[in-house]
Amino acid sequence: MAKQNRAALEKIAASFRALSEPTRLAILQELKRGPMTVNEIVEALGLSQANVSKQLSVLREAGFLKREQQGTSARYSIGDPMVMKLCNLVCDGLNKRALAAVEMYTI
């Protein structure tokens, strides 16, 4: 892998920052099931519409979501499947470490 310049590293860091908020991860988890409106996400997560809209905006700006206008509402969906692959890699790593810790203390 080639060494990245500062601008590229900033873009990479911004992508990771977009995933650094639990509410955003919860939104991705919901959208994994399929496209949803803001109201459907609000209902599923029990959060305010303002908070969900703000978090959707961050995920969309990072390129992780796409937005399709349908009449007076918009449907959001996973725009880049790589984000779910990345989340799965992190979860797999955490699961392996958790299992290793359990095995380490087993008699």
Protein backbone atom coordinates (compact mmCIF):
# COMPACT_ATOMS: atom_id res chain seq x y z
CA MET A 1 0.00 0.00 0.00
CA ALA A 2 1.35 3.39 -0.99
CA LYS A 3 2.03 6.02 1.62
CA GLN A 4 -0.88 8.50 1.73
CA ASN A 5 -0.50 12.26 1.62
CA ARG A 6 -1.96 14.49 4.34
CA ALA A 7 -5.15 15.28 2.39
CA ALA A 8 -5.88 11.60 1.84
CA LEU A 9 -5.24 10.85 5.53
CA GLU A 10 -7.69 13.62 6.48
CA LYS A 11 -10.40 12.02 4.29
CA ILE A 12 -9.72 8.61 5.82
CA ALA A 13 -9.90 10.07 9.33
CA ALA A 14 -13.18 11.83 8.48
CA SER A 15 -14.66 8.48 7.43
CA PHE A 16 -13.69 6.92 10.74
CA ARG A 17 -15.05 9.95 12.64
CA ALA A 18 -18.40 9.46 10.89
CA LEU A 19 -18.54 5.98 12.44
CA SER A 20 -17.41 7.08 15.90
CA GLU A 21 -20.88 7.88 17.28
CA PRO A 22 -23.11 5.07 18.64
CA THR A 23 -26.28 6.65 17.24
CA ARG A 24 -24.80 6.57 13.73
CA LEU A 25 -23.94 2.90 14.16
CA ALA A 26 -27.50 2.24 15.35
CA ILE A 27 -28.81 3.96 12.23
CA LEU A 28 -26.59 1.80 10.02
CA GLN A 29 -27.82 -1.26 11.89
CA GLU A 30 -31.44 -0.30 11.10
CA LEU A 31 -30.68 0.51 7.47
CA LYS A 32 -29.03 -2.86 7.05
CA ARG A 33 -32.60 -4.25 6.90
CA GLY A 34 -33.49 -1.93 4.01
CA PRO A 35 -34.34 1.67 3.10
CA MET A 36 -36.17 3.74 5.72
CA THR A 37 -37.59 7.21 6.14
CA VAL A 38 -36.42 9.55 8.89
CA ASN A 39 -39.67 8.91 10.77
CA GLU A 40 -39.19 5.13 10.58
CA ILE A 41 -35.66 5.49 11.95
CA VAL A 42 -36.89 7.82 14.72
CA GLU A 43 -39.53 5.27 15.68
CA ALA A 44 -37.10 2.34 15.57
CA LEU A 45 -34.49 4.08 17.72
CA GLY A 46 -36.69 6.18 20.00
CA LEU A 47 -34.66 9.31 19.32
CA SER A 48 -35.67 12.83 18.34
CA GLN A 49 -36.20 13.67 14.68
CA ALA A 50 -33.61 16.46 14.93
CA ASN A 51 -30.94 14.10 16.27
CA VAL A 52 -31.63 11.42 13.66
CA SER A 53 -31.59 14.00 10.85
CA LYS A 54 -28.26 15.37 12.06
CA GLN A 55 -26.69 11.91 12.24
CA LEU A 56 -28.07 10.94 8.82
CA SER A 57 -26.47 14.07 7.41
CA VAL A 58 -23.06 13.11 8.81
CA LEU A 59 -23.32 9.58 7.40
CA ARG A 60 -24.47 10.90 4.05
CA GLU A 61 -21.66 13.48 3.84
CA ALA A 62 -19.19 10.66 4.52
CA GLY A 63 -20.61 8.84 1.51
CA PHE A 64 -22.04 5.94 3.51
CA LEU A 65 -25.72 6.64 2.79
CA LYS A 66 -27.82 7.60 -0.16
CA ARG A 67 -31.03 9.60 -0.02
CA GLU A 68 -33.95 9.26 -2.38
CA GLN A 69 -36.74 11.80 -2.34
CA GLN A 70 -40.23 10.27 -2.37
CA GLY A 71 -42.89 12.94 -2.38
CA THR A 72 -42.64 14.91 0.85
CA SER A 73 -40.30 12.43 2.55
CA ALA A 74 -36.93 10.91 1.83
CA ARG A 75 -35.78 7.31 2.12
CA TYR A 76 -32.28 6.57 3.28
CA SER A 77 -30.31 3.45 2.45
CA ILE A 78 -26.77 2.14 2.60
CA GLY A 79 -24.99 3.90 -0.24
CA ASP A 80 -21.64 2.18 0.09
CA PRO A 81 -21.68 -1.50 1.11
CA MET A 82 -18.06 -1.09 2.24
CA VAL A 83 -19.31 0.57 5.43
CA MET A 84 -21.06 -2.63 6.50
CA LYS A 85 -17.97 -4.69 5.63
CA LEU A 86 -15.90 -2.36 7.81
CA CYS A 87 -18.39 -2.65 10.68
CA ASN A 88 -18.36 -6.44 10.34
CA LEU A 89 -14.54 -6.49 10.43
CA VAL A 90 -14.54 -4.46 13.64
CA CYS A 91 -17.23 -6.68 15.20
CA ASP A 92 -15.36 -9.83 14.20
CA GLY A 93 -12.18 -8.49 15.79
CA LEU A 94 -14.01 -7.57 18.99
CA ASN A 95 -15.66 -11.01 19.13
CA LYS A 96 -12.31 -12.76 18.67
CA ARG A 97 -10.75 -10.70 21.45
CA ALA A 98 -13.71 -11.34 23.74
CA LEU A 99 -13.51 -15.08 23.10
CA ALA A 100 -9.76 -15.08 23.65
CA ALA A 101 -10.24 -13.27 26.97
CA VAL A 102 -12.84 -15.81 28.05
CA GLU A 103 -10.60 -18.70 27.06
CA MET A 104 -7.67 -17.13 28.84
CA TYR A 105 -9.52 -17.24 32.18
CA THR A 106 -11.14 -20.64 31.81
CA ILE A 107 -10.08 -23.51 34.03
